[in-house]
Amino acid sequence: MPLRLDIITPERGVVSEAVDSVQVPGLNGELGILPGHTPLISQLRTGVLAYAQGGTTRRLLVSGGFVEVRDDRVAVLADVAERPEEIDASRARLAREHAEKTLTAFTGTEEDFERARAELERSMVRLQLTSEDHSAIARS
């Protein structure tokens, strides 16, 4: 029996599908979820969410929010969720460079520091996903 995966952001529904397994970047580490998983709720950290469906694995960026697992349903309520094809690699590189410069010469508040650190994490995951996507296209 498959899992039901729903990934939702404040702006849109990103995924609503039956899947074989899900790997989620939880606050305390990666969570591997298969049918029959124990119920849980976890905060998300910025990273790659991967899900398998009939031998194919798809990946996307998630950042902020929560995941809930219950009754073979995985609900991901994320602040940000992006598929590799939605990511502009050059824009992600610029965001990474800007965040690195901000953090190197940082003099602001703790909140500003956390915002810049979060942007650096998101841009690095975006670049990871776009390079994986281009590698997969080159192999096919």
C-alpha atoms as a PDB file:
ATOM      1  CA  MET A   1       0.000   0.000   0.000  1.00  0.00           C
ATOM      2  CA  PRO A   2       1.583   3.329  -1.067  1.00  0.00           C
ATOM      3  CA  LEU A   3       1.994   6.514   0.917  1.00  0.00           C
ATOM      4  CA  ARG A   4       0.008   9.625   0.110  1.00  0.00           C
ATOM      5  CA  LEU A   5       2.412  12.585  -0.204  1.00  0.00           C
ATOM      6  CA  ASP A   6       1.169  16.165  -0.126  1.00  0.00           C
ATOM      7  CA  ILE A   7       3.628  19.059  -0.266  1.00  0.00           C
ATOM      8  CA  ILE A   8       2.057  22.460   0.248  1.00  0.00           C
ATOM      9  CA  THR A   9       3.474  25.987   0.533  1.00  0.00           C
ATOM     10  CA  PRO A  10       1.557  29.149   1.418  1.00  0.00           C
ATOM     11  CA  GLU A  11       1.359  29.918  -2.329  1.00  0.00           C
ATOM     12  CA  ARG A  12       0.511  26.545  -3.878  1.00  0.00           C
ATOM     13  CA  GLY A  13       0.200  22.797  -3.777  1.00  0.00           C
ATOM     14  CA  VAL A  14       3.470  21.377  -5.121  1.00  0.00           C
ATOM     15  CA  VAL A  15       2.949  17.592  -4.973  1.00  0.00           C
ATOM     16  CA  SER A  16      -0.106  15.437  -4.299  1.00  0.00           C
ATOM     17  CA  GLU A  17       0.695  11.859  -5.283  1.00  0.00           C
ATOM     18  CA  ALA A  18       0.835   8.238  -4.198  1.00  0.00           C
ATOM     19  CA  VAL A  19       4.498   7.308  -3.588  1.00  0.00           C
ATOM     20  CA  ASP A  20       6.531   4.318  -2.396  1.00  0.00           C
ATOM     21  CA  SER A  21       8.797   6.173   0.058  1.00  0.00           C
ATOM     22  CA  VAL A  22       9.772   9.661   1.193  1.00  0.00           C
ATOM     23  CA  GLN A  23      13.010  11.056   2.606  1.00  0.00           C
ATOM     24  CA  VAL A  24      12.576  14.355   4.443  1.00  0.00           C
ATOM     25  CA  PRO A  25      15.182  16.696   5.968  1.00  0.00           C
ATOM     26  CA  GLY A  26      13.907  16.800   9.559  1.00  0.00           C
ATOM     27  CA  LEU A  27      15.261  19.182  12.156  1.00  0.00           C
ATOM     28  CA  ASN A  28      17.317  16.418  13.809  1.00  0.00           C
ATOM     29  CA  GLY A  29      18.337  14.578  10.640  1.00  0.00           C
ATOM     30  CA  GLU A  30      16.991  12.766   7.620  1.00  0.00           C
ATOM     31  CA  LEU A  31      13.687  10.933   8.055  1.00  0.00           C
ATOM     32  CA  GLY A  32      13.072   7.896   5.878  1.00  0.00           C
ATOM     33  CA  ILE A  33       9.351   7.163   5.618  1.00  0.00           C
ATOM     34  CA  LEU A  34       7.812   3.947   4.304  1.00  0.00           C
ATOM     35  CA  PRO A  35       4.220   2.681   4.472  1.00  0.00           C
ATOM     36  CA  GLY A  36       3.277   1.783   8.054  1.00  0.00           C
ATOM     37  CA  HIS A  37       5.576   4.440   9.559  1.00  0.00           C
ATOM     38  CA  THR A  38       4.929   5.462  13.153  1.00  0.00           C
ATOM     39  CA  PRO A  39       3.006   8.767  13.402  1.00  0.00           C
ATOM     40  CA  LEU A  40       5.247  11.798  13.894  1.00  0.00           C
ATOM     41  CA  ILE A  41       5.484  15.537  13.533  1.00  0.00           C
ATOM     42  CA  SER A  42       8.827  17.219  12.901  1.00  0.00           C
ATOM     43  CA  GLN A  43      10.079  20.625  12.003  1.00  0.00           C
ATOM     44  CA  LEU A  44      11.789  20.799   8.587  1.00  0.00           C
ATOM     45  CA  ARG A  45      15.245  22.101   7.950  1.00  0.00           C
ATOM     46  CA  THR A  46      16.448  23.364   4.599  1.00  0.00           C
ATOM     47  CA  GLY A  47      17.408  20.448   2.392  1.00  0.00           C
ATOM     48  CA  VAL A  48      16.407  17.975  -0.274  1.00  0.00           C
ATOM     49  CA  LEU A  49      13.145  16.085   0.022  1.00  0.00           C
ATOM     50  CA  ALA A  50      13.225  12.934  -2.116  1.00  0.00           C
ATOM     51  CA  TYR A  51      10.390  10.590  -2.967  1.00  0.00           C
ATOM     52  CA  ALA A  52      10.346   7.339  -4.887  1.00  0.00           C
ATOM     53  CA  GLN A  53       7.562   6.359  -7.205  1.00  0.00           C
ATOM     54  CA  GLY A  54       7.713   3.176  -9.287  1.00  0.00           C
ATOM     55  CA  GLY A  55      11.511   3.062  -9.479  1.00  0.00           C
ATOM     56  CA  THR A  56      11.921   6.792 -10.159  1.00  0.00           C
ATOM     57  CA  THR A  57      13.227   9.163  -7.502  1.00  0.00           C
ATOM     58  CA  ARG A  58      12.286  12.828  -7.610  1.00  0.00           C
ATOM     59  CA  ARG A  59      13.920  15.541  -5.520  1.00  0.00           C
ATOM     60  CA  LEU A  60      13.002  19.041  -4.515  1.00  0.00           C
ATOM     61  CA  LEU A  61      14.137  21.791  -2.196  1.00  0.00           C
ATOM     62  CA  VAL A  62      12.160  22.317   0.994  1.00  0.00           C
ATOM     63  CA  SER A  63      12.827  24.976   3.586  1.00  0.00           C
ATOM     64  CA  GLY A  64      11.009  25.867   6.768  1.00  0.00           C
ATOM     65  CA  GLY A  65       7.770  24.376   7.976  1.00  0.00           C
ATOM     66  CA  PHE A  66       6.726  20.961   9.242  1.00  0.00           C
ATOM     67  CA  VAL A  67       6.147  17.351   8.197  1.00  0.00           C
ATOM     68  CA  GLU A  68       3.405  15.175   9.644  1.00  0.00           C
ATOM     69  CA  VAL A  69       3.208  11.408   9.128  1.00  0.00           C
ATOM     70  CA  ARG A  70      -0.035   9.639  10.013  1.00  0.00           C
ATOM     71  CA  ASP A  71      -2.051   6.758   8.556  1.00  0.00           C
ATOM     72  CA  ASP A  72       0.253   6.344   5.516  1.00  0.00           C
ATOM     73  CA  ARG A  73      -0.098  10.042   4.720  1.00  0.00           C
ATOM     74  CA  VAL A  74       2.882  12.398   4.614  1.00  0.00           C
ATOM     75  CA  ALA A  75       1.895  16.058   4.772  1.00  0.00           C
ATOM     76  CA  VAL A  76       4.707  18.560   4.219  1.00  0.00           C
ATOM     77  CA  LEU A  77       3.770  22.143   5.008  1.00  0.00           C
ATOM     78  CA  ALA A  78       6.820  24.077   3.812  1.00  0.00           C
ATOM     79  CA  ASP A  79       7.655  27.760   3.643  1.00  0.00           C
ATOM     80  CA  VAL A  80       9.498  27.048   0.373  1.00  0.00           C
ATOM     81  CA  ALA A  81       9.314  24.041  -1.982  1.00  0.00           C
ATOM     82  CA  GLU A  82      10.880  24.088  -5.451  1.00  0.00           C
ATOM     83  CA  ARG A  83      11.409  21.459  -8.142  1.00  0.00           C
ATOM     84  CA  PRO A  84      14.830  21.450  -9.879  1.00  0.00           C
ATOM     85  CA  GLU A  85      13.321  22.728 -13.147  1.00  0.00           C
ATOM     86  CA  GLU A  86      11.920  25.765 -11.293  1.00  0.00           C
ATOM     87  CA  ILE A  87      15.352  26.829 -10.037  1.00  0.00           C
ATOM     88  CA  ASP A  88      17.420  29.459 -11.834  1.00  0.00           C
ATOM     89  CA  ALA A  89      21.023  28.337 -11.239  1.00  0.00           C
ATOM     90  CA  SER A  90      22.586  31.721 -12.042  1.00  0.00           C
ATOM     91  CA  ARG A  91      20.235  33.443  -9.611  1.00  0.00           C
ATOM     92  CA  ALA A  92      21.067  30.824  -6.963  1.00  0.00           C
ATOM     93  CA  ARG A  93      24.806  31.453  -7.491  1.00  0.00           C
ATOM     94  CA  LEU A  94      24.281  35.201  -7.047  1.00  0.00           C
ATOM     95  CA  ALA A  95      22.226  34.607  -3.890  1.00  0.00           C
ATOM     96  CA  ARG A  96      24.966  32.340  -2.513  1.00  0.00           C
ATOM     97  CA  GLU A  97      27.666  34.936  -3.222  1.00  0.00           C
ATOM     98  CA  HIS A  98      25.583  37.692  -1.634  1.00  0.00           C
ATOM     99  CA  ALA A  99      24.875  35.605   1.481  1.00  0.00           C
ATOM    100  CA  GLU A 100      28.549  34.625   1.803  1.00  0.00           C
ATOM    101  CA  LYS A 101      29.628  38.277   1.603  1.00  0.00           C
ATOM    102  CA  THR A 102      26.967  39.277   4.129  1.00  0.00           C
ATOM    103  CA  LEU A 103      28.058  36.582   6.570  1.00  0.00           C
ATOM    104  CA  THR A 104      31.790  37.288   6.122  1.00  0.00           C
ATOM    105  CA  ALA A 105      31.483  40.953   7.097  1.00  0.00           C
ATOM    106  CA  PHE A 106      28.469  40.558   9.385  1.00  0.00           C
ATOM    107  CA  THR A 107      27.706  43.363  11.862  1.00  0.00           C
ATOM    108  CA  GLY A 108      23.901  43.213  12.206  1.00  0.00           C
ATOM    109  CA  THR A 109      21.410  41.609  14.538  1.00  0.00           C
ATOM    110  CA  GLU A 110      21.109  37.907  15.312  1.00  0.00           C
ATOM    111  CA  GLU A 111      17.874  37.852  13.292  1.00  0.00           C
ATOM    112  CA  ASP A 112      19.668  39.307  10.248  1.00  0.00           C
ATOM    113  CA  PHE A 113      22.443  36.744  10.672  1.00  0.00           C
ATOM    114  CA  GLU A 114      19.927  33.869  10.729  1.00  0.00           C
ATOM    115  CA  ARG A 115      18.178  35.245   7.651  1.00  0.00           C
ATOM    116  CA  ALA A 116      21.475  35.417   5.727  1.00  0.00           C
ATOM    117  CA  ARG A 117      22.477  31.935   6.925  1.00  0.00           C
ATOM    118  CA  ALA A 118      19.106  30.527   5.805  1.00  0.00           C
ATOM    119  CA  GLU A 119      19.487  32.170   2.386  1.00  0.00           C
ATOM    120  CA  LEU A 120      22.965  30.666   2.050  1.00  0.00           C
ATOM    121  CA  GLU A 121      21.584  27.195   2.857  1.00  0.00           C
ATOM    122  CA  ARG A 122      18.717  27.549   0.359  1.00  0.00           C
ATOM    123  CA  SER A 123      21.025  28.755  -2.415  1.00  0.00           C
ATOM    124  CA  MET A 124      23.443  25.864  -1.824  1.00  0.00           C
ATOM    125  CA  VAL A 125      20.630  23.277  -1.966  1.00  0.00           C
ATOM    126  CA  ARG A 126      19.266  24.954  -5.101  1.00  0.00           C
ATOM    127  CA  LEU A 127      22.674  24.645  -6.761  1.00  0.00           C
ATOM    128  CA  GLN A 128      22.953  21.010  -5.639  1.00  0.00           C
ATOM    129  CA  LEU A 129      19.570  20.202  -7.197  1.00  0.00           C
ATOM    130  CA  THR A 130      20.287  21.980 -10.475  1.00  0.00           C
ATOM    131  CA  SER A 131      23.633  20.184 -10.868  1.00  0.00           C
ATOM    132  CA  GLU A 132      21.933  16.810 -10.134  1.00  0.00           C
ATOM    133  CA  ASP A 133      19.182  17.623 -12.633  1.00  0.00           C
ATOM    134  CA  HIS A 134      21.714  18.525 -15.350  1.00  0.00           C
ATOM    135  CA  SER A 135      23.717  15.338 -14.615  1.00  0.00           C
ATOM    136  CA  ALA A 136      20.578  13.209 -15.004  1.00  0.00           C
ATOM    137  CA  ILE A 137      19.725  14.916 -18.315  1.00  0.00           C
ATOM    138  CA  ALA A 138      23.279  14.350 -19.600  1.00  0.00           C
ATOM    139  CA  ARG A 139      23.074  10.628 -18.753  1.00  0.00           C
ATOM    140  CA  SER A 140      19.789  10.122 -20.628  1.00  0.00           C
END
